[in-house]
Amino acid sequence: MRTRPSKDIIVAIDGFSSCGKSTLAKALAKYLGYTYIDTGAMYRAVTLFFLQQKIKWQDVAEKAIADQLDKIVIEFKYNEEKKKSETYLNGENVEEEIRGKAVSDSVSEVSQIKTIRQRMVALQRRAGQNKGLVMDGRDIGTKVFPEAEVKVYMTADPEIRAQRRYDELKTKGQELSFEAVLQNLSKRDWHDTHREENPLIQAEDAIVLDNSSMNQKEQFEWVLEKIQKKLNQ
């Protein structure tokens, strides 16, 4: 078993949708013995709640949204059988539901809402108070943890990202055309980079990882080398 590093740092991974941020972050956290927080799952869980309650977030006042957020409890529990962390919404395992098309089509819009982002950012910051954390999302290195010791900005060719997402959905039995997946990805990219509240931008001190032609092992080793250099300073 790996020995935990002698000092703890925060690793912030930001980037576009379907770049493999969560896969990389989970692998790094497991190797380092750090905590992993899936911020994307947090926003997806909020989106699922709004869809379940038939709340039209476009027409709801900020105060009403804040009241709804008070009804939401998001937890991450490790599934020993599947060997992975799963998302729970108000006590219910929603890991599969939050990855579906309905949530994917709406999560970028929901995550733009100022009240929601403020509430999620506060929760995320609290989780990193003691460091020893790997967190991925869209604004981790710029807004949540601008002081993070290692910041990674992930990107890849849009069509390559769409193909990865398409293949993932097929393995889960979801039938969508490649064109529909690419269109959804383009829409999410636009929302992520143009939203008023904490848009996706590259932090000035982030290292850029374009993984268009890299496999998961190569990405892991590339980022781990940067982390180890920081740990050895």
C-alpha atoms as a PDB file:
ATOM      1  CA  MET A   1       0.000   0.000   0.000  1.00  0.00           C
ATOM      2  CA  ARG A   2       1.203   3.496  -0.814  1.00  0.00           C
ATOM      3  CA  THR A   3       2.515   5.685   2.002  1.00  0.00           C
ATOM      4  CA  ARG A   4       0.695   8.995   2.287  1.00  0.00           C
ATOM      5  CA  PRO A   5       2.915  12.014   1.394  1.00  0.00           C
ATOM      6  CA  SER A   6       4.726  13.631   4.319  1.00  0.00           C
ATOM      7  CA  LYS A   7       2.847  16.872   3.694  1.00  0.00           C
ATOM      8  CA  ASP A   8      -0.639  17.533   2.363  1.00  0.00           C
ATOM      9  CA  ILE A   9      -1.520  19.811  -0.521  1.00  0.00           C
ATOM     10  CA  ILE A  10      -4.571  20.618  -2.633  1.00  0.00           C
ATOM     11  CA  VAL A  11      -4.701  19.471  -6.251  1.00  0.00           C
ATOM     12  CA  ALA A  12      -7.242  21.427  -8.325  1.00  0.00           C
ATOM     13  CA  ILE A  13      -8.273  20.012 -11.704  1.00  0.00           C
ATOM     14  CA  ASP A  14     -10.397  22.170 -14.007  1.00  0.00           C
ATOM     15  CA  GLY A  15     -11.389  21.755 -17.613  1.00  0.00           C
ATOM     16  CA  PHE A  16     -13.968  21.054 -20.241  1.00  0.00           C
ATOM     17  CA  SER A  17     -16.656  18.404 -20.098  1.00  0.00           C
ATOM     18  CA  SER A  18     -15.687  14.830 -20.997  1.00  0.00           C
ATOM     19  CA  CYS A  19     -11.961  15.437 -20.632  1.00  0.00           C
ATOM     20  CA  GLY A  20     -11.648  12.698 -18.019  1.00  0.00           C
ATOM     21  CA  LYS A  21     -11.192  15.060 -15.072  1.00  0.00           C
ATOM     22  CA  SER A  22     -13.000  12.844 -12.585  1.00  0.00           C
ATOM     23  CA  THR A  23     -11.213   9.677 -13.698  1.00  0.00           C
ATOM     24  CA  LEU A  24      -7.834  11.356 -13.308  1.00  0.00           C
ATOM     25  CA  ALA A  25      -8.736  13.017 -10.002  1.00  0.00           C
ATOM     26  CA  LYS A  26      -9.969   9.741  -8.492  1.00  0.00           C
ATOM     27  CA  ALA A  27      -6.814   7.900  -9.537  1.00  0.00           C
ATOM     28  CA  LEU A  28      -4.557  10.603  -8.086  1.00  0.00           C
ATOM     29  CA  ALA A  29      -6.499  10.748  -4.812  1.00  0.00           C
ATOM     30  CA  LYS A  30      -6.338   6.981  -4.426  1.00  0.00           C
ATOM     31  CA  TYR A  31      -2.591   6.903  -5.107  1.00  0.00           C
ATOM     32  CA  LEU A  32      -1.831   9.780  -2.730  1.00  0.00           C
ATOM     33  CA  GLY A  33      -4.261   8.675  -0.026  1.00  0.00           C
ATOM     34  CA  TYR A  34      -6.118  11.982  -0.409  1.00  0.00           C
ATOM     35  CA  THR A  35      -9.825  12.796  -0.255  1.00  0.00           C
ATOM     36  CA  TYR A  36     -11.586  13.146  -3.600  1.00  0.00           C
ATOM     37  CA  ILE A  37     -14.578  15.456  -4.099  1.00  0.00           C
ATOM     38  CA  ASP A  38     -16.638  15.237  -7.294  1.00  0.00           C
ATOM     39  CA  THR A  39     -17.952  18.794  -7.647  1.00  0.00           C
ATOM     40  CA  GLY A  40     -19.621  18.001 -10.945  1.00  0.00           C
ATOM     41  CA  ALA A  41     -21.729  15.389  -9.170  1.00  0.00           C
ATOM     42  CA  MET A  42     -22.797  18.035  -6.650  1.00  0.00           C
ATOM     43  CA  TYR A  43     -24.211  20.271  -9.391  1.00  0.00           C
ATOM     44  CA  ARG A  44     -25.742  17.254 -11.111  1.00  0.00           C
ATOM     45  CA  ALA A  45     -27.468  16.243  -7.873  1.00  0.00           C
ATOM     46  CA  VAL A  46     -28.963  19.733  -7.486  1.00  0.00           C
ATOM     47  CA  THR A  47     -30.109  19.589 -11.113  1.00  0.00           C
ATOM     48  CA  LEU A  48     -31.726  16.193 -10.542  1.00  0.00           C
ATOM     49  CA  PHE A  49     -33.559  17.523  -7.481  1.00  0.00           C
ATOM     50  CA  PHE A  50     -34.946  20.448  -9.476  1.00  0.00           C
ATOM     51  CA  LEU A  51     -36.063  18.116 -12.262  1.00  0.00           C
ATOM     52  CA  GLN A  52     -37.684  15.706  -9.812  1.00  0.00           C
ATOM     53  CA  GLN A  53     -39.545  18.540  -8.106  1.00  0.00           C
ATOM     54  CA  LYS A  54     -40.465  20.065 -11.490  1.00  0.00           C
ATOM     55  CA  ILE A  55     -38.890  23.369 -10.442  1.00  0.00           C
ATOM     56  CA  LYS A  56     -38.404  25.731 -13.392  1.00  0.00           C
ATOM     57  CA  TRP A  57     -35.137  27.301 -12.284  1.00  0.00           C
ATOM     58  CA  GLN A  58     -35.289  29.839 -15.144  1.00  0.00           C
ATOM     59  CA  ASP A  59     -38.394  31.428 -13.608  1.00  0.00           C
ATOM     60  CA  VAL A  60     -37.634  31.083  -9.894  1.00  0.00           C
ATOM     61  CA  ALA A  61     -36.341  33.939  -7.743  1.00  0.00           C
ATOM     62  CA  GLU A  62     -32.968  33.590  -6.003  1.00  0.00           C
ATOM     63  CA  LYS A  63     -34.653  33.491  -2.584  1.00  0.00           C
ATOM     64  CA  ALA A  64     -36.883  30.614  -3.660  1.00  0.00           C
ATOM     65  CA  ILE A  65     -33.852  28.740  -5.005  1.00  0.00           C
ATOM     66  CA  ALA A  66     -32.045  29.237  -1.693  1.00  0.00           C
ATOM     67  CA  ASP A  67     -35.087  27.811   0.105  1.00  0.00           C
ATOM     68  CA  GLN A  68     -34.980  24.728  -2.137  1.00  0.00           C
ATOM     69  CA  LEU A  69     -31.258  24.258  -1.496  1.00  0.00           C
ATOM     70  CA  ASP A  70     -32.035  24.025   2.220  1.00  0.00           C
ATOM     71  CA  LYS A  71     -33.936  20.823   1.394  1.00  0.00           C
ATOM     72  CA  ILE A  72     -30.953  19.189  -0.301  1.00  0.00           C
ATOM     73  CA  VAL A  73     -28.371  16.958   1.357  1.00  0.00           C
ATOM     74  CA  ILE A  74     -25.567  15.661  -0.888  1.00  0.00           C
ATOM     75  CA  GLU A  75     -23.268  12.897   0.327  1.00  0.00           C
ATOM     76  CA  PHE A  76     -20.557  10.707  -1.178  1.00  0.00           C
ATOM     77  CA  LYS A  77     -20.389   7.101  -0.002  1.00  0.00           C
ATOM     78  CA  TYR A  78     -17.808   4.510  -1.005  1.00  0.00           C
ATOM     79  CA  ASN A  79     -19.253   1.376  -2.590  1.00  0.00           C
ATOM     80  CA  GLU A  80     -17.035  -1.491  -1.467  1.00  0.00           C
ATOM     81  CA  GLU A  81     -18.432  -3.865  -4.088  1.00  0.00           C
ATOM     82  CA  LYS A  82     -17.896  -1.491  -7.015  1.00  0.00           C
ATOM     83  CA  LYS A  83     -14.763   0.050  -5.486  1.00  0.00           C
ATOM     84  CA  LYS A  84     -15.881   3.610  -6.160  1.00  0.00           C
ATOM     85  CA  SER A  85     -17.547   6.587  -4.524  1.00  0.00           C
ATOM     86  CA  GLU A  86     -21.233   7.134  -5.305  1.00  0.00           C
ATOM     87  CA  THR A  87     -23.461  10.192  -4.983  1.00  0.00           C
ATOM     88  CA  TYR A  88     -26.431  10.281  -2.625  1.00  0.00           C
ATOM     89  CA  LEU A  89     -29.204  12.859  -2.770  1.00  0.00           C
ATOM     90  CA  ASN A  90     -31.274  13.091   0.415  1.00  0.00           C
ATOM     91  CA  GLY A  91     -30.282   9.562   1.364  1.00  0.00           C
ATOM     92  CA  GLU A  92     -30.906   8.009  -2.063  1.00  0.00           C
ATOM     93  CA  ASN A  93     -28.203   6.640  -4.349  1.00  0.00           C
ATOM     94  CA  VAL A  94     -28.525   8.725  -7.537  1.00  0.00           C
ATOM     95  CA  GLU A  95     -25.200   7.899  -9.191  1.00  0.00           C
ATOM     96  CA  GLU A  96     -26.866   6.516 -12.325  1.00  0.00           C
ATOM     97  CA  GLU A  97     -29.606   9.160 -12.556  1.00  0.00           C
ATOM     98  CA  ILE A  98     -27.232  12.124 -12.420  1.00  0.00           C
ATOM     99  CA  ARG A  99     -25.250  10.776 -15.391  1.00  0.00           C
ATOM    100  CA  GLY A 100     -28.328  10.533 -17.637  1.00  0.00           C
ATOM    101  CA  LYS A 101     -29.235  12.759 -20.575  1.00  0.00           C
ATOM    102  CA  ALA A 102     -31.905  14.788 -18.759  1.00  0.00           C
ATOM    103  CA  VAL A 103     -29.416  15.983 -16.155  1.00  0.00           C
ATOM    104  CA  SER A 104     -26.607  16.427 -18.696  1.00  0.00           C
ATOM    105  CA  ASP A 105     -28.849  18.649 -20.810  1.00  0.00           C
ATOM    106  CA  SER A 106     -29.637  20.971 -17.894  1.00  0.00           C
ATOM    107  CA  VAL A 107     -26.689  20.936 -15.487  1.00  0.00           C
ATOM    108  CA  SER A 108     -24.775  23.774 -17.180  1.00  0.00           C
ATOM    109  CA  GLU A 109     -27.793  26.080 -16.896  1.00  0.00           C
ATOM    110  CA  VAL A 110     -28.425  25.168 -13.265  1.00  0.00           C
ATOM    111  CA  SER A 111     -24.762  25.592 -12.340  1.00  0.00           C
ATOM    112  CA  GLN A 112     -24.826  29.168 -13.680  1.00  0.00           C
ATOM    113  CA  ILE A 113     -27.223  30.285 -10.962  1.00  0.00           C
ATOM    114  CA  LYS A 114     -25.363  32.491  -8.496  1.00  0.00           C
ATOM    115  CA  THR A 115     -27.097  31.229  -5.342  1.00  0.00           C
ATOM    116  CA  ILE A 116     -26.346  27.613  -6.229  1.00  0.00           C
ATOM    117  CA  ARG A 117     -22.691  28.253  -7.038  1.00  0.00           C
ATOM    118  CA  GLN A 118     -22.182  30.208  -3.827  1.00  0.00           C
ATOM    119  CA  ARG A 119     -23.678  27.387  -1.750  1.00  0.00           C
ATOM    120  CA  MET A 120     -21.638  24.678  -3.510  1.00  0.00           C
ATOM    121  CA  VAL A 121     -18.385  26.666  -3.333  1.00  0.00           C
ATOM    122  CA  ALA A 122     -18.852  27.136   0.419  1.00  0.00           C
ATOM    123  CA  LEU A 123     -19.299  23.374   0.872  1.00  0.00           C
ATOM    124  CA  GLN A 124     -16.274  22.641  -1.300  1.00  0.00           C
ATOM    125  CA  ARG A 125     -14.025  25.053   0.592  1.00  0.00           C
ATOM    126  CA  ARG A 126     -15.076  23.509   3.877  1.00  0.00           C
ATOM    127  CA  ALA A 127     -14.058  20.086   2.578  1.00  0.00           C
ATOM    128  CA  GLY A 128     -10.545  21.335   1.839  1.00  0.00           C
ATOM    129  CA  GLN A 129      -9.780  23.063   5.135  1.00  0.00           C
ATOM    130  CA  ASN A 130      -7.272  20.369   6.142  1.00  0.00           C
ATOM    131  CA  LYS A 131      -5.824  19.926   2.635  1.00  0.00           C
ATOM    132  CA  GLY A 132      -4.929  16.412   1.437  1.00  0.00           C
ATOM    133  CA  LEU A 133      -7.553  16.848  -1.265  1.00  0.00           C
ATOM    134  CA  VAL A 134      -8.026  16.337  -5.002  1.00  0.00           C
ATOM    135  CA  MET A 135     -10.995  18.207  -6.454  1.00  0.00           C
ATOM    136  CA  ASP A 136     -12.150  18.581 -10.042  1.00  0.00           C
ATOM    137  CA  GLY A 137     -14.627  20.941 -11.658  1.00  0.00           C
ATOM    138  CA  ARG A 138     -14.787  24.167 -13.635  1.00  0.00           C
ATOM    139  CA  ASP A 139     -13.659  26.806 -11.126  1.00  0.00           C
ATOM    140  CA  ILE A 140     -11.601  24.931  -8.533  1.00  0.00           C
ATOM    141  CA  GLY A 141      -8.264  26.602  -9.254  1.00  0.00           C
ATOM    142  CA  THR A 142      -9.733  30.041  -9.905  1.00  0.00           C
ATOM    143  CA  LYS A 143     -12.515  30.386  -7.331  1.00  0.00           C
ATOM    144  CA  VAL A 144     -12.746  27.517  -4.853  1.00  0.00           C
ATOM    145  CA  PHE A 145      -9.035  27.046  -4.103  1.00  0.00           C
ATOM    146  CA  PRO A 146      -7.019  29.802  -5.815  1.00  0.00           C
ATOM    147  CA  GLU A 147      -4.236  28.943  -3.335  1.00  0.00           C
ATOM    148  CA  ALA A 148      -4.039  25.295  -4.466  1.00  0.00           C
ATOM    149  CA  GLU A 149      -0.456  24.095  -4.727  1.00  0.00           C
ATOM    150  CA  VAL A 150      -1.060  22.210  -7.993  1.00  0.00           C
ATOM    151  CA  LYS A 151      -3.551  23.363 -10.622  1.00  0.00           C
ATOM    152  CA  VAL A 152      -4.291  21.422 -13.791  1.00  0.00           C
ATOM    153  CA  TYR A 153      -6.333  22.742 -16.718  1.00  0.00           C
ATOM    154  CA  MET A 154      -7.579  19.888 -18.905  1.00  0.00           C
ATOM    155  CA  THR A 155      -8.657  20.188 -22.516  1.00  0.00           C
ATOM    156  CA  ALA A 156      -8.997  18.049 -25.634  1.00  0.00           C
ATOM    157  CA  ASP A 157     -10.333  18.249 -29.159  1.00  0.00           C
ATOM    158  CA  PRO A 158     -14.168  18.588 -29.016  1.00  0.00           C
ATOM    159  CA  GLU A 159     -14.810  15.678 -31.379  1.00  0.00           C
ATOM    160  CA  ILE A 160     -12.499  13.429 -29.359  1.00  0.00           C
ATOM    161  CA  ARG A 161     -14.312  14.400 -26.177  1.00  0.00           C
ATOM    162  CA  ALA A 162     -17.669  13.759 -27.828  1.00  0.00           C
ATOM    163  CA  GLN A 163     -16.527  10.330 -28.994  1.00  0.00           C
ATOM    164  CA  ARG A 164     -15.414   9.427 -25.471  1.00  0.00           C
ATOM    165  CA  ARG A 165     -18.761  10.536 -24.071  1.00  0.00           C
ATOM    166  CA  TYR A 166     -20.641   8.692 -26.820  1.00  0.00           C
ATOM    167  CA  ASP A 167     -18.752   5.463 -26.100  1.00  0.00           C
ATOM    168  CA  GLU A 168     -19.412   5.854 -22.367  1.00  0.00           C
ATOM    169  CA  LEU A 169     -23.153   6.289 -22.908  1.00  0.00           C
ATOM    170  CA  LYS A 170     -23.279   3.266 -25.213  1.00  0.00           C
ATOM    171  CA  THR A 171     -21.700   1.052 -22.552  1.00  0.00           C
ATOM    172  CA  LYS A 172     -24.473   2.182 -20.189  1.00  0.00           C
ATOM    173  CA  GLY A 173     -27.149   1.234 -22.704  1.00  0.00           C
ATOM    174  CA  GLN A 174     -28.111   4.809 -23.587  1.00  0.00           C
ATOM    175  CA  GLU A 175     -28.856   5.233 -27.288  1.00  0.00           C
ATOM    176  CA  LEU A 176     -27.877   8.662 -28.596  1.00  0.00           C
ATOM    177  CA  SER A 177     -26.383   9.725 -31.903  1.00  0.00           C
ATOM    178  CA  PHE A 178     -22.816  11.021 -32.004  1.00  0.00           C
ATOM    179  CA  GLU A 179     -24.152  14.297 -33.427  1.00  0.00           C
ATOM    180  CA  ALA A 180     -26.485  14.731 -30.443  1.00  0.00           C
ATOM    181  CA  VAL A 181     -23.641  14.119 -28.007  1.00  0.00           C
ATOM    182  CA  LEU A 182     -21.389  16.594 -29.831  1.00  0.00           C
ATOM    183  CA  GLN A 183     -24.148  19.199 -29.841  1.00  0.00           C
ATOM    184  CA  ASN A 184     -24.744  18.729 -26.110  1.00  0.00           C
ATOM    185  CA  LEU A 185     -21.013  19.046 -25.462  1.00  0.00           C
ATOM    186  CA  SER A 186     -20.781  22.265 -27.482  1.00  0.00           C
ATOM    187  CA  LYS A 187     -23.723  23.709 -25.567  1.00  0.00           C
ATOM    188  CA  ARG A 188     -22.129  22.843 -22.231  1.00  0.00           C
ATOM    189  CA  ASP A 189     -18.781  24.319 -23.311  1.00  0.00           C
ATOM    190  CA  TRP A 190     -20.471  27.598 -24.223  1.00  0.00           C
ATOM    191  CA  HIS A 191     -22.379  27.794 -20.936  1.00  0.00           C
ATOM    192  CA  ASP A 192     -19.282  26.872 -18.891  1.00  0.00           C
ATOM    193  CA  THR A 193     -17.089  29.538 -20.498  1.00  0.00           C
ATOM    194  CA  HIS A 194     -19.686  32.309 -20.786  1.00  0.00           C
ATOM    195  CA  ARG A 195     -21.593  32.146 -17.503  1.00  0.00           C
ATOM    196  CA  GLU A 196     -21.447  35.275 -15.358  1.00  0.00           C
ATOM    197  CA  GLU A 197     -20.722  33.460 -12.090  1.00  0.00           C
ATOM    198  CA  ASN A 198     -17.300  31.756 -11.965  1.00  0.00           C
ATOM    199  CA  PRO A 199     -16.842  30.826 -15.649  1.00  0.00           C
ATOM    200  CA  LEU A 200     -14.415  28.162 -16.796  1.00  0.00           C
ATOM    201  CA  ILE A 201     -11.085  29.897 -17.392  1.00  0.00           C
ATOM    202  CA  GLN A 202      -7.494  28.795 -17.079  1.00  0.00           C
ATOM    203  CA  ALA A 203      -5.808  29.929 -13.879  1.00  0.00           C
ATOM    204  CA  GLU A 204      -2.605  31.859 -14.584  1.00  0.00           C
ATOM    205  CA  ASP A 205      -0.504  29.353 -12.661  1.00  0.00           C
ATOM    206  CA  ALA A 206      -2.229  26.212 -13.995  1.00  0.00           C
ATOM    207  CA  ILE A 207      -0.423  23.589 -16.043  1.00  0.00           C
ATOM    208  CA  VAL A 208      -2.274  22.736 -19.262  1.00  0.00           C
ATOM    209  CA  LEU A 209      -2.994  19.097 -20.031  1.00  0.00           C
ATOM    210  CA  ASP A 210      -4.262  18.496 -23.576  1.00  0.00           C
ATOM    211  CA  ASN A 211      -5.087  14.810 -23.498  1.00  0.00           C
ATOM    212  CA  SER A 212      -6.380  14.484 -27.069  1.00  0.00           C
ATOM    213  CA  SER A 213      -3.737  11.865 -27.825  1.00  0.00           C
ATOM    214  CA  MET A 214      -2.994  10.557 -24.322  1.00  0.00           C
ATOM    215  CA  ASN A 215      -4.351   7.489 -22.562  1.00  0.00           C
ATOM    216  CA  GLN A 216      -5.324   7.446 -18.884  1.00  0.00           C
ATOM    217  CA  LYS A 217      -1.993   5.998 -17.721  1.00  0.00           C
ATOM    218  CA  GLU A 218      -0.015   8.674 -19.555  1.00  0.00           C
ATOM    219  CA  GLN A 219      -2.160  11.446 -18.097  1.00  0.00           C
ATOM    220  CA  PHE A 220      -1.848  10.050 -14.584  1.00  0.00           C
ATOM    221  CA  GLU A 221       1.943   9.784 -14.776  1.00  0.00           C
ATOM    222  CA  TRP A 222       2.283  13.255 -16.313  1.00  0.00           C
ATOM    223  CA  VAL A 223       0.287  14.968 -13.542  1.00  0.00           C
ATOM    224  CA  LEU A 224       1.747  12.811 -10.772  1.00  0.00           C
ATOM    225  CA  GLU A 225       5.233  13.967 -11.754  1.00  0.00           C
ATOM    226  CA  LYS A 226       4.122  17.612 -11.304  1.00  0.00           C
ATOM    227  CA  ILE A 227       2.599  16.786  -7.902  1.00  0.00           C
ATOM    228  CA  GLN A 228       5.706  14.962  -6.699  1.00  0.00           C
ATOM    229  CA  LYS A 229       7.884  17.909  -7.672  1.00  0.00           C
ATOM    230  CA  LYS A 230       5.690  20.183  -5.579  1.00  0.00           C
ATOM    231  CA  LEU A 231       5.737  17.749  -2.635  1.00  0.00           C
ATOM    232  CA  ASN A 232       9.534  17.607  -2.756  1.00  0.00           C
ATOM    233  CA  GLN A 233      10.011  21.376  -2.683  1.00  0.00           C
END
